[in-house]
Amino acid sequence: MEKIVVDFAIIGSGPAGLTGAIQAAKSGKSVVLIEKGHFPGGSCLNLGTIPSKSLREAILDLSRYNERSFYGQSCLREVSIKDLNYRLNTVLESERTILFRRFKKNHIRFVRGCARFETPHELVVYDEEAKDYLYITASYFLIGVGSKPRNPLHIPFDDEVILDSTRLLALSAVPKTMIVLGGGVIGAEYASFFSVLGTEVTVLDKRERMLPTLDREIGVHFQADLKENGLLFHPKKVLKRVERKGEKAHVTCEDGSTYEGEILLYAMGREANVQELEIDKAGVLLNAQGYIPVNTNFQTLTPHIYAAGDVIGYPSLASTSMEQGRLAARHALNLPVHPFPTFFPIGIYTIPEISCCGKTEEELQQESIPYEVGRAYYYEIARSQITGGAMMGFFKLLFHQHTRELLGVHIIGRSATELIHIGQVAMSFNAKIDYFVDQVFNYPTFAEGYRIAALNGLNKLS
């Protein structure tokens, strides 16, 4: 068995592990990056973020969904799984090639295999046949193994009909009917995708609405858009039983209602992917929620072992994971660090797209902060008319009634996850709502929605 000694050993090559590895390598340290999957990039690249967003883009493009305002529903064309997989695989191959190039450029040793701790400073890497083949001693460690779909034992997953978000990527055909259990981000994204593909989608959730953490007005608008696409949402449904009968999934709820679909997507939570690491041997424990607890510098209970990304829980975003991994490496190597940002944008890649930053209207009400709202609807923006299919949605700016300081930005509609950064930057500089009125925006652009919304809000003060 090969034995090596390095400065930094990183477990998991997703967003947190990758940025941590590059930061350490650029600081002149020897780095080994361990990934148990067949390809680098972790679940983000291979099973989660990139595949789902690639599918979304392909669905919008191939179905001609955004051309409806020009030609009506008749322009929509049928899309096959073969079409989608071709585009998905092209993206994945390109991204993997780029990752290998980055490893080589930064002199990062990439190792494929499963890792387990032997002591707080020693790891063993073993292959698929459970054969140990690499012994690693390191000064510092970063655990960035991410999360995986939660698979309760009472749900009969079978890779064909009853699926989680990972298994869903292996579908051989677009289903005619689909049940989605869970109206959170993952459930909402895939439900909206398949709805656009023509699948009759039914979403069940114990809560009153999908994406309940959103600003309520945005959430209501989102569900109205989904309903227009034929999606059915049933709130306050408590799951009693899931079973497969023949070639279909059957769901029974506590209130006696039943539902049937060609496939079922179980999207009710994820869990830290730490089962094989034997972290207890390193003095690292899990909290009550099943995640690794860390301090503000991303140190675990064992100070030279860091953890970042989904494995530590909220916010579990690829974007925040990248910065967590970078900051963890910098702290370990005694480099200057800044506190992790107190606010950051949330991007939800549903159809329609949603993004937000800062306070919701409900939070401002709870905190008794006097505020006003400025709105700009996509149908008011010339760029929407030009591009077609982007008439649904709106900008919502929340600002203080007296100081006019921008308190929250919420966007639902085309390019929302791109547009949100304008509001994010403005908020980071404590900008007032007047900022968007006093500046000139390119015309025609979606971004001018900020100016229209700001004028709308300021007019309410006069």
Protein backbone atom coordinates (compact mmCIF):
# COMPACT_ATOMS: atom_id res chain seq x y z
CA MET A 1 0.00 0.00 0.00
CA GLU A 2 1.35 3.40 -1.03
CA LYS A 3 1.99 5.91 1.76
CA ILE A 4 2.16 9.66 1.25
CA VAL A 5 2.56 12.75 3.44
CA VAL A 6 0.89 16.01 2.39
CA ASP A 7 0.07 19.38 3.85
CA PHE A 8 -3.62 19.24 3.02
CA ALA A 9 -5.92 16.25 2.42
CA ILE A 10 -9.36 17.09 1.08
CA ILE A 11 -12.22 14.61 0.97
CA GLY A 12 -14.76 15.37 -1.72
CA SER A 13 -14.21 17.27 -4.97
CA GLY A 14 -17.45 19.26 -5.07
CA PRO A 15 -17.59 23.07 -4.77
CA ALA A 16 -16.21 23.21 -1.20
CA GLY A 17 -13.46 20.65 -1.71
CA LEU A 18 -12.38 22.01 -5.07
CA THR A 19 -12.03 25.63 -3.97
CA GLY A 20 -10.30 24.55 -0.76
CA ALA A 21 -7.84 22.44 -2.76
CA ILE A 22 -7.04 25.22 -5.22
CA GLN A 23 -6.57 27.77 -2.44
CA ALA A 24 -4.16 25.47 -0.60
CA ALA A 25 -2.27 24.59 -3.77
CA LYS A 26 -1.90 28.23 -4.80
CA SER A 27 -0.44 28.88 -1.36
CA GLY A 28 2.37 26.47 -2.18
CA LYS A 29 1.09 23.51 -0.17
CA SER A 30 1.02 19.87 -1.23
CA VAL A 31 -2.57 18.79 -1.75
CA VAL A 32 -4.36 15.49 -2.33
CA LEU A 33 -8.01 15.54 -3.35
CA ILE A 34 -10.04 12.37 -2.80
CA GLU A 35 -13.30 11.62 -4.62
CA LYS A 36 -15.31 8.42 -4.27
CA GLY A 37 -17.36 9.02 -7.42
CA HIS A 38 -16.27 7.96 -10.88
CA PHE A 39 -15.65 11.56 -11.91
CA PRO A 40 -14.43 14.74 -10.19
CA GLY A 41 -16.84 17.48 -9.22
CA GLY A 42 -18.86 15.61 -6.62
CA SER A 43 -22.65 15.49 -6.62
CA CYS A 44 -22.81 19.14 -7.72
CA LEU A 45 -21.31 18.40 -11.12
CA ASN A 46 -22.39 14.82 -11.67
CA LEU A 47 -25.72 14.34 -9.90
CA GLY A 48 -27.13 17.67 -8.75
CA THR A 49 -26.63 21.31 -9.62
CA ILE A 50 -25.03 21.09 -13.07
CA PRO A 51 -27.18 18.22 -14.42
CA SER A 52 -30.45 19.78 -13.24
CA LYS A 53 -29.57 23.24 -14.57
CA SER A 54 -28.33 21.74 -17.85
CA LEU A 55 -31.59 19.85 -18.22
CA ARG A 56 -33.53 23.02 -17.50
CA GLU A 57 -31.71 24.98 -20.19
CA ALA A 58 -32.10 22.15 -22.70
CA ILE A 59 -35.83 21.83 -21.96
CA LEU A 60 -36.41 25.56 -22.46
CA ASP A 61 -34.41 25.59 -25.69
CA LEU A 62 -35.55 22.36 -27.31
CA SER A 63 -39.22 22.80 -26.40
CA ARG A 64 -39.18 26.41 -27.69
CA TYR A 65 -40.96 27.32 -24.45
CA ASN A 66 -39.85 30.95 -24.55
CA GLU A 67 -41.34 31.45 -28.03
CA ARG A 68 -44.93 30.97 -26.85
CA SER A 69 -45.69 34.68 -26.85
CA PHE A 70 -44.88 34.83 -30.56
CA TYR A 71 -46.52 31.63 -31.79
CA GLY A 72 -48.75 30.40 -28.96
CA GLN A 73 -48.79 26.90 -27.49
CA SER A 74 -48.61 25.40 -30.99
CA CYS A 75 -44.90 26.20 -31.19
CA LEU A 76 -44.04 23.81 -28.36
CA ARG A 77 -42.37 20.64 -29.58
CA GLU A 78 -41.93 17.26 -27.97
CA VAL A 79 -38.54 16.62 -26.40
CA SER A 80 -37.08 13.16 -25.91
CA ILE A 81 -34.81 11.90 -23.17
CA LYS A 82 -32.24 11.22 -25.90
CA ASP A 83 -32.24 14.92 -26.82
CA LEU A 84 -31.80 15.94 -23.20
CA ASN A 85 -29.10 13.38 -22.43
CA TYR A 86 -27.03 14.46 -25.43
CA ARG A 87 -26.88 18.04 -24.19
CA LEU A 88 -26.37 16.98 -20.58
CA ASN A 89 -23.46 14.68 -21.41
CA THR A 90 -21.83 17.36 -23.55
CA VAL A 91 -21.87 19.76 -20.60
CA LEU A 92 -20.60 17.16 -18.13
CA GLU A 93 -17.71 16.06 -20.36
CA SER A 94 -16.62 19.67 -20.86
CA GLU A 95 -16.77 20.46 -17.15
CA ARG A 96 -14.82 17.33 -16.22
CA THR A 97 -12.13 18.17 -18.76
CA ILE A 98 -11.80 21.63 -17.23
CA LEU A 99 -11.48 20.17 -13.73
CA PHE A 100 -8.67 17.80 -14.71
CA ARG A 101 -6.91 20.74 -16.36
CA ARG A 102 -7.19 22.73 -13.10
CA PHE A 103 -5.80 19.82 -11.07
CA LYS A 104 -2.81 19.59 -13.37
CA LYS A 105 -2.22 23.33 -13.46
CA ASN A 106 -2.25 23.59 -9.67
CA HIS A 107 -0.33 20.35 -9.01
CA ILE A 108 -3.22 18.80 -7.11
CA ARG A 109 -3.09 15.03 -6.85
CA PHE A 110 -6.54 13.64 -7.65
CA VAL A 111 -7.32 10.25 -6.13
CA ARG A 112 -10.44 8.21 -6.79
CA GLY A 113 -11.65 6.05 -3.93
CA CYS A 114 -13.44 6.04 -0.58
CA ALA A 115 -11.72 7.55 2.44
CA ARG A 116 -11.93 6.71 6.12
CA PHE A 117 -10.11 8.16 9.09
CA GLU A 118 -7.70 5.97 11.03
CA THR A 119 -6.52 8.70 13.41
CA PRO A 120 -6.98 12.49 13.52
CA HIS A 121 -4.00 12.86 11.15
CA GLU A 122 -4.30 9.73 9.01
CA LEU A 123 -6.61 8.57 6.24
CA VAL A 124 -6.93 5.32 4.34
CA VAL A 125 -8.29 5.29 0.80
CA TYR A 126 -9.87 2.09 -0.48
CA ASP A 127 -11.36 1.01 -3.81
CA GLU A 128 -14.77 -0.38 -4.79
CA GLU A 129 -13.73 -3.84 -3.64
CA ALA A 130 -12.90 -2.47 -0.16
CA LYS A 131 -9.18 -2.95 -0.77
CA ASP A 132 -6.94 -0.38 0.94
CA TYR A 133 -4.43 1.10 -1.46
CA LEU A 134 -3.36 4.54 -0.19
CA TYR A 135 -2.35 5.72 3.30
CA ILE A 136 -2.33 9.49 3.75
CA THR A 137 -0.82 11.52 6.57
CA ALA A 138 -1.71 15.22 6.52
CA SER A 139 -1.35 18.31 8.65
CA TYR A 140 -4.81 19.59 7.74
CA PHE A 141 -8.03 18.07 6.42
CA LEU A 142 -11.12 19.48 4.77
CA ILE A 143 -14.29 17.39 4.70
CA GLY A 144 -16.38 18.43 1.72
CA VAL A 145 -18.31 15.26 0.95
CA GLY A 146 -21.63 17.02 0.46
CA SER A 147 -25.03 15.47 0.93
CA LYS A 148 -27.24 12.85 -0.66
CA PRO A 149 -31.01 12.38 -1.01
CA ARG A 150 -32.62 11.16 2.15
CA ASN A 151 -33.89 7.61 1.54
CA PRO A 152 -36.15 6.47 4.39
CA LEU A 153 -36.41 2.70 4.75
CA HIS A 154 -40.20 2.73 4.37
CA ILE A 155 -39.97 4.19 0.84
CA PRO A 156 -39.49 1.31 -1.69
CA PHE A 157 -37.01 2.94 -4.08
CA ASP A 158 -36.51 0.77 -7.15
CA ASP A 159 -34.59 2.79 -9.80
CA GLU A 160 -37.54 2.53 -12.22
CA VAL A 161 -40.73 3.95 -10.76
CA ILE A 162 -40.01 5.21 -7.24
CA LEU A 163 -37.03 7.55 -7.46
CA ASP A 164 -34.95 10.18 -5.68
CA SER A 165 -33.28 13.10 -7.47
CA THR A 166 -30.19 11.01 -8.27
CA ARG A 167 -32.12 8.09 -9.72
CA LEU A 168 -34.30 10.47 -11.73
CA LEU A 169 -31.36 11.33 -13.99
CA ALA A 170 -31.40 7.77 -15.38
CA LEU A 171 -34.93 7.96 -16.81
CA SER A 172 -35.29 6.30 -20.20
CA ALA A 173 -38.37 8.26 -21.32
CA VAL A 174 -40.41 11.32 -20.44
CA PRO A 175 -43.29 10.08 -18.25
CA LYS A 176 -46.90 10.98 -18.95
CA THR A 177 -47.73 11.34 -15.25
CA MET A 178 -45.54 12.11 -12.25
CA ILE A 179 -45.97 12.49 -8.50
CA VAL A 180 -43.53 14.71 -6.60
CA LEU A 181 -43.37 14.32 -2.84
CA GLY A 182 -42.01 17.56 -1.41
CA GLY A 183 -42.41 21.14 -2.58
CA GLY A 184 -38.95 22.35 -1.59
CA VAL A 185 -36.27 23.52 -4.01
CA ILE A 186 -35.44 20.15 -5.58
CA GLY A 187 -39.06 19.04 -5.84
CA ALA A 188 -40.13 22.41 -7.27
CA GLU A 189 -37.34 22.48 -9.84
CA TYR A 190 -37.98 19.02 -11.27
CA ALA A 191 -41.76 19.43 -11.06
CA SER A 192 -41.56 22.59 -13.18
CA PHE A 193 -39.17 20.94 -15.68
CA PHE A 194 -41.41 17.97 -16.36
CA SER A 195 -44.50 20.14 -16.46
CA VAL A 196 -42.98 22.06 -19.37
CA LEU A 197 -42.20 18.74 -21.07
CA GLY A 198 -45.92 17.94 -21.04
CA THR A 199 -45.97 15.56 -18.07
CA GLU A 200 -49.02 15.75 -15.81
CA VAL A 201 -47.28 16.61 -12.53
CA THR A 202 -48.86 16.39 -9.08
CA VAL A 203 -46.95 17.82 -6.11
CA LEU A 204 -47.84 16.79 -2.56
CA ASP A 205 -46.55 18.61 0.51
CA LYS A 206 -47.55 18.91 4.16
CA ARG A 207 -47.09 22.68 3.98
CA GLU A 208 -49.56 25.25 2.64
CA ARG A 209 -47.46 26.22 -0.38
CA MET A 210 -44.39 25.26 -2.34
CA LEU A 211 -41.09 26.98 -1.52
CA PRO A 212 -42.46 28.32 1.79
CA THR A 213 -39.30 30.25 2.70
CA LEU A 214 -39.82 32.62 -0.23
CA ASP A 215 -41.45 36.01 0.07
CA ARG A 216 -45.13 35.03 0.07
CA GLU A 217 -46.09 37.16 -2.94
CA ILE A 218 -43.32 35.59 -5.00
CA GLY A 219 -44.38 32.11 -3.89
CA VAL A 220 -48.02 32.71 -4.81
CA HIS A 221 -47.01 34.05 -8.23
CA PHE A 222 -44.80 30.99 -8.77
CA GLN A 223 -47.62 28.56 -8.05
CA ALA A 224 -49.94 30.49 -10.37
CA ASP A 225 -47.39 30.07 -13.18
CA LEU A 226 -47.11 26.34 -12.48
CA LYS A 227 -50.88 25.96 -12.50
CA GLU A 228 -50.98 27.62 -15.91
CA ASN A 229 -48.60 24.90 -17.13
CA GLY A 230 -50.97 22.24 -15.82
CA LEU A 231 -49.17 21.35 -12.59
CA LEU A 232 -51.37 20.39 -9.63
CA PHE A 233 -50.31 21.19 -6.07
CA HIS A 234 -52.05 19.62 -3.08
CA PRO A 235 -51.15 21.24 0.26
CA LYS A 236 -51.41 19.83 3.79
CA LYS A 237 -50.86 16.27 2.61
CA VAL A 238 -49.23 14.03 5.20
CA LEU A 239 -47.71 10.93 3.66
CA LYS A 240 -48.98 7.60 4.93
CA ARG A 241 -47.77 5.03 2.41
CA VAL A 242 -45.85 4.77 -0.86
CA GLU A 243 -45.98 1.57 -2.89
CA ARG A 244 -45.48 0.28 -6.37
CA LYS A 245 -48.38 -1.49 -8.04
CA GLY A 246 -47.42 -2.96 -11.37
CA GLU A 247 -45.71 -0.25 -13.37
CA LYS A 248 -47.05 2.68 -11.38
CA ALA A 249 -46.41 4.42 -8.06
CA HIS A 250 -49.25 4.78 -5.59
CA VAL A 251 -49.38 7.25 -2.71
CA THR A 252 -51.80 7.18 0.19
CA CYS A 253 -52.08 10.19 2.51
CA GLU A 254 -53.26 10.37 6.12
CA ASP A 255 -56.54 12.02 5.04
CA GLY A 256 -57.36 9.00 2.87
CA SER A 257 -56.62 10.62 -0.48
CA THR A 258 -54.68 8.56 -3.04
CA TYR A 259 -52.57 9.45 -6.06
CA GLU A 260 -51.06 7.47 -8.93
CA GLY A 261 -48.27 8.20 -11.41
CA GLU A 262 -45.93 6.54 -13.87
CA ILE A 263 -43.04 7.72 -11.71
CA LEU A 264 -42.67 9.18 -8.24
CA LEU A 265 -39.95 11.60 -7.17
CA TYR A 266 -39.24 11.55 -3.44
CA ALA A 267 -37.77 14.98 -2.68
CA MET A 268 -38.19 15.32 1.07
CA GLY A 269 -34.78 16.29 2.31
CA ARG A 270 -31.12 15.41 2.09
CA GLU A 271 -28.54 14.18 4.59
CA ALA A 272 -24.80 14.54 5.13
CA ASN A 273 -22.82 11.98 3.14
CA VAL A 274 -20.51 10.91 5.98
CA GLN A 275 -21.48 7.31 6.66
CA GLU A 276 -18.24 5.80 5.34
CA LEU A 277 -15.75 8.31 6.78
CA GLU A 278 -15.56 6.97 10.35
CA ILE A 279 -15.18 10.55 11.53
CA ASP A 280 -15.44 9.48 15.18
CA LYS A 281 -11.87 8.16 14.93
CA ALA A 282 -10.81 11.74 14.22
CA GLY A 283 -12.81 13.20 17.08
CA VAL A 284 -15.43 14.67 14.74
CA LEU A 285 -19.10 14.23 15.66
CA LEU A 286 -22.48 15.02 14.10
CA ASN A 287 -25.08 17.37 15.53
CA ALA A 288 -28.73 16.50 16.20
CA GLN A 289 -29.63 17.27 12.59
CA GLY A 290 -27.01 14.84 11.26
CA TYR A 291 -24.52 17.45 10.01
CA ILE A 292 -20.97 18.26 11.08
CA PRO A 293 -20.93 21.25 13.46
CA VAL A 294 -18.26 23.88 12.77
CA ASN A 295 -17.24 27.25 14.19
CA THR A 296 -17.12 30.50 12.22
CA ASN A 297 -13.81 29.43 10.67
CA PHE A 298 -15.27 26.07 9.60
CA GLN A 299 -13.24 24.10 12.13
CA THR A 300 -14.76 20.92 13.55
CA LEU A 301 -14.29 19.74 17.14
CA THR A 302 -10.81 18.66 16.00
CA PRO A 303 -9.24 22.04 15.10
CA HIS A 304 -7.01 20.88 12.23
CA ILE A 305 -9.98 19.18 10.54
CA TYR A 306 -12.31 21.54 8.68
CA ALA A 307 -15.69 20.93 7.05
CA ALA A 308 -17.57 22.99 4.46
CA GLY A 309 -20.47 22.77 2.04
CA ASP A 310 -23.61 20.68 2.34
CA VAL A 311 -22.00 18.46 4.96
CA ILE A 312 -22.38 21.26 7.53
CA GLY A 313 -26.02 22.00 6.65
CA TYR A 314 -27.62 25.36 5.85
CA PRO A 315 -27.47 27.07 3.42
CA SER A 316 -26.32 24.09 1.30
CA LEU A 317 -25.75 26.06 -1.89
CA ALA A 318 -22.96 25.47 -4.39
CA SER A 319 -22.18 29.18 -4.31
CA THR A 320 -21.82 29.38 -0.53
CA SER A 321 -19.94 26.06 -0.43
CA MET A 322 -17.26 27.48 -2.72
CA GLU A 323 -16.61 30.39 -0.41
CA GLN A 324 -16.72 28.19 2.70
CA GLY A 325 -14.08 25.87 1.25
CA ARG A 326 -11.84 28.77 0.28
CA LEU A 327 -12.12 30.42 3.69
CA ALA A 328 -11.49 27.12 5.50
CA ALA A 329 -8.25 26.58 3.59
CA ARG A 330 -7.12 30.15 4.17
CA HIS A 331 -7.75 29.91 7.91
CA ALA A 332 -5.91 26.58 8.16
CA LEU A 333 -2.90 28.06 6.39
CA ASN A 334 -2.95 31.22 8.54
CA LEU A 335 -3.85 33.47 5.61
CA PRO A 336 -6.04 36.57 6.00
CA VAL A 337 -9.75 35.76 6.05
CA HIS A 338 -12.97 37.73 6.18
CA PRO A 339 -16.17 36.69 7.97
CA PHE A 340 -18.54 34.62 5.89
CA PRO A 341 -21.08 37.00 4.30
CA THR A 342 -24.17 37.67 6.39
CA PHE A 343 -26.36 37.88 3.31
CA PHE A 344 -26.09 36.30 -0.11
CA PRO A 345 -28.38 35.59 -3.05
CA ILE A 346 -30.55 32.51 -3.26
CA GLY A 347 -31.11 31.14 -6.77
CA ILE A 348 -33.88 28.66 -7.54
CA TYR A 349 -33.77 27.31 -11.09
CA THR A 350 -37.41 26.51 -11.51
CA ILE A 351 -39.42 27.48 -14.59
CA PRO A 352 -39.95 30.40 -14.01
CA GLU A 353 -36.60 31.24 -12.39
CA ILE A 354 -36.52 32.79 -8.90
CA SER A 355 -33.82 34.65 -7.00
CA CYS A 356 -33.78 36.76 -3.86
CA CYS A 357 -31.48 38.58 -1.48
CA GLY A 358 -32.21 40.24 1.85
CA LYS A 359 -35.45 40.47 3.81
CA THR A 360 -38.87 39.21 2.78
CA GLU A 361 -41.98 41.31 3.29
CA GLU A 362 -43.11 38.93 6.04
CA GLU A 363 -39.80 39.33 7.92
CA LEU A 364 -40.05 43.13 7.80
CA GLN A 365 -43.57 42.93 9.19
CA GLN A 366 -42.46 40.64 12.02
CA GLU A 367 -39.60 43.02 12.86
CA SER A 368 -41.92 46.06 12.73
CA ILE A 369 -39.71 47.81 10.19
CA PRO A 370 -41.57 50.51 8.21
CA TYR A 371 -41.13 49.67 4.54
CA GLU A 372 -42.46 50.33 1.08
CA VAL A 373 -42.58 48.11 -2.01
CA GLY A 374 -41.60 48.91 -5.58
CA ARG A 375 -42.63 46.52 -8.35
CA ALA A 376 -41.82 46.20 -12.03
CA TYR A 377 -43.64 43.58 -14.08
CA TYR A 378 -41.89 41.84 -16.93
CA TYR A 379 -44.63 42.81 -19.37
CA GLU A 380 -43.62 46.46 -18.76
CA ILE A 381 -40.06 45.82 -19.93
CA ALA A 382 -39.37 46.12 -23.66
CA ARG A 383 -36.71 43.41 -23.56
CA SER A 384 -39.43 40.97 -22.50
CA GLN A 385 -41.47 41.75 -25.59
CA ILE A 386 -38.39 41.33 -27.80
CA THR A 387 -37.27 37.98 -26.41
CA GLY A 388 -40.74 36.48 -26.09
CA GLY A 389 -42.03 34.16 -23.40
CA ALA A 390 -40.81 36.42 -20.60
CA MET A 391 -43.99 38.34 -19.83
CA MET A 392 -44.65 36.46 -16.61
CA GLY A 393 -42.83 37.58 -13.47
CA PHE A 394 -41.82 40.76 -11.68
CA PHE A 395 -39.15 42.60 -9.69
CA LYS A 396 -39.96 43.37 -6.06
CA LEU A 397 -37.82 45.89 -4.18
CA LEU A 398 -38.32 46.39 -0.44
CA PHE A 399 -36.95 49.59 1.08
CA HIS A 400 -37.18 51.55 4.34
CA GLN A 401 -39.97 54.13 4.31
CA HIS A 402 -37.87 56.82 6.01
CA THR A 403 -34.21 56.15 5.11
CA ARG A 404 -35.04 54.64 1.68
CA GLU A 405 -32.34 52.01 2.26
CA LEU A 406 -32.75 48.89 0.12
CA LEU A 407 -33.77 46.00 2.40
CA GLY A 408 -34.65 43.16 0.05
CA VAL A 409 -34.72 42.21 -3.62
CA HIS A 410 -36.96 39.47 -5.02
CA ILE A 411 -37.22 38.54 -8.68
CA ILE A 412 -39.28 35.88 -10.42
CA GLY A 413 -38.87 35.59 -14.17
CA ARG A 414 -36.34 35.20 -16.92
CA SER A 415 -32.66 35.64 -15.90
CA ALA A 416 -33.62 36.23 -12.26
CA THR A 417 -30.47 34.52 -10.95
CA GLU A 418 -28.32 36.81 -13.09
CA LEU A 419 -30.23 39.99 -12.33
CA ILE A 420 -30.19 39.53 -8.56
CA HIS A 421 -26.52 40.49 -8.31
CA ILE A 422 -27.26 44.11 -9.16
CA GLY A 423 -29.45 44.30 -6.07
CA GLN A 424 -26.92 42.33 -4.02
CA VAL A 425 -24.14 44.80 -4.81
CA ALA A 426 -26.40 47.76 -4.08
CA MET A 427 -27.37 46.29 -0.71
CA SER A 428 -23.77 45.55 0.21
CA PHE A 429 -23.05 49.30 -0.14
CA ASN A 430 -26.19 50.27 1.81
CA ALA A 431 -27.65 51.92 -1.27
CA LYS A 432 -30.90 53.80 -1.16
CA ILE A 433 -33.72 53.06 -3.57
CA ASP A 434 -32.92 56.39 -5.29
CA TYR A 435 -29.72 54.83 -6.64
CA PHE A 436 -31.66 52.94 -9.31
CA VAL A 437 -33.51 56.08 -10.39
CA ASP A 438 -30.42 58.25 -10.61
CA GLN A 439 -28.50 55.81 -12.83
CA VAL A 440 -28.91 55.16 -16.55
CA PHE A 441 -29.57 51.55 -17.58
CA ASN A 442 -28.95 50.09 -21.01
CA TYR A 443 -32.14 49.97 -23.06
CA PRO A 444 -33.68 47.55 -23.77
CA THR A 445 -32.56 45.21 -20.95
CA PHE A 446 -34.19 43.15 -18.24
CA ALA A 447 -32.02 45.05 -15.73
CA GLU A 448 -33.99 48.25 -16.23
CA GLY A 449 -36.65 46.51 -14.15
CA TYR A 450 -34.74 47.87 -11.16
CA ARG A 451 -35.34 51.45 -12.30
CA ILE A 452 -39.02 50.84 -13.06
CA ALA A 453 -39.52 49.17 -9.66
CA ALA A 454 -37.67 51.98 -7.85
CA LEU A 455 -39.83 54.65 -9.52
CA ASN A 456 -42.94 52.66 -8.63
CA GLY A 457 -41.88 52.51 -5.00
CA LEU A 458 -40.84 56.17 -4.70
CA ASN A 459 -44.14 57.29 -6.23
CA LYS A 460 -45.91 55.70 -3.27
CA LEU A 461 -44.04 57.96 -0.86
CA SER A 462 -45.23 61.20 -2.42
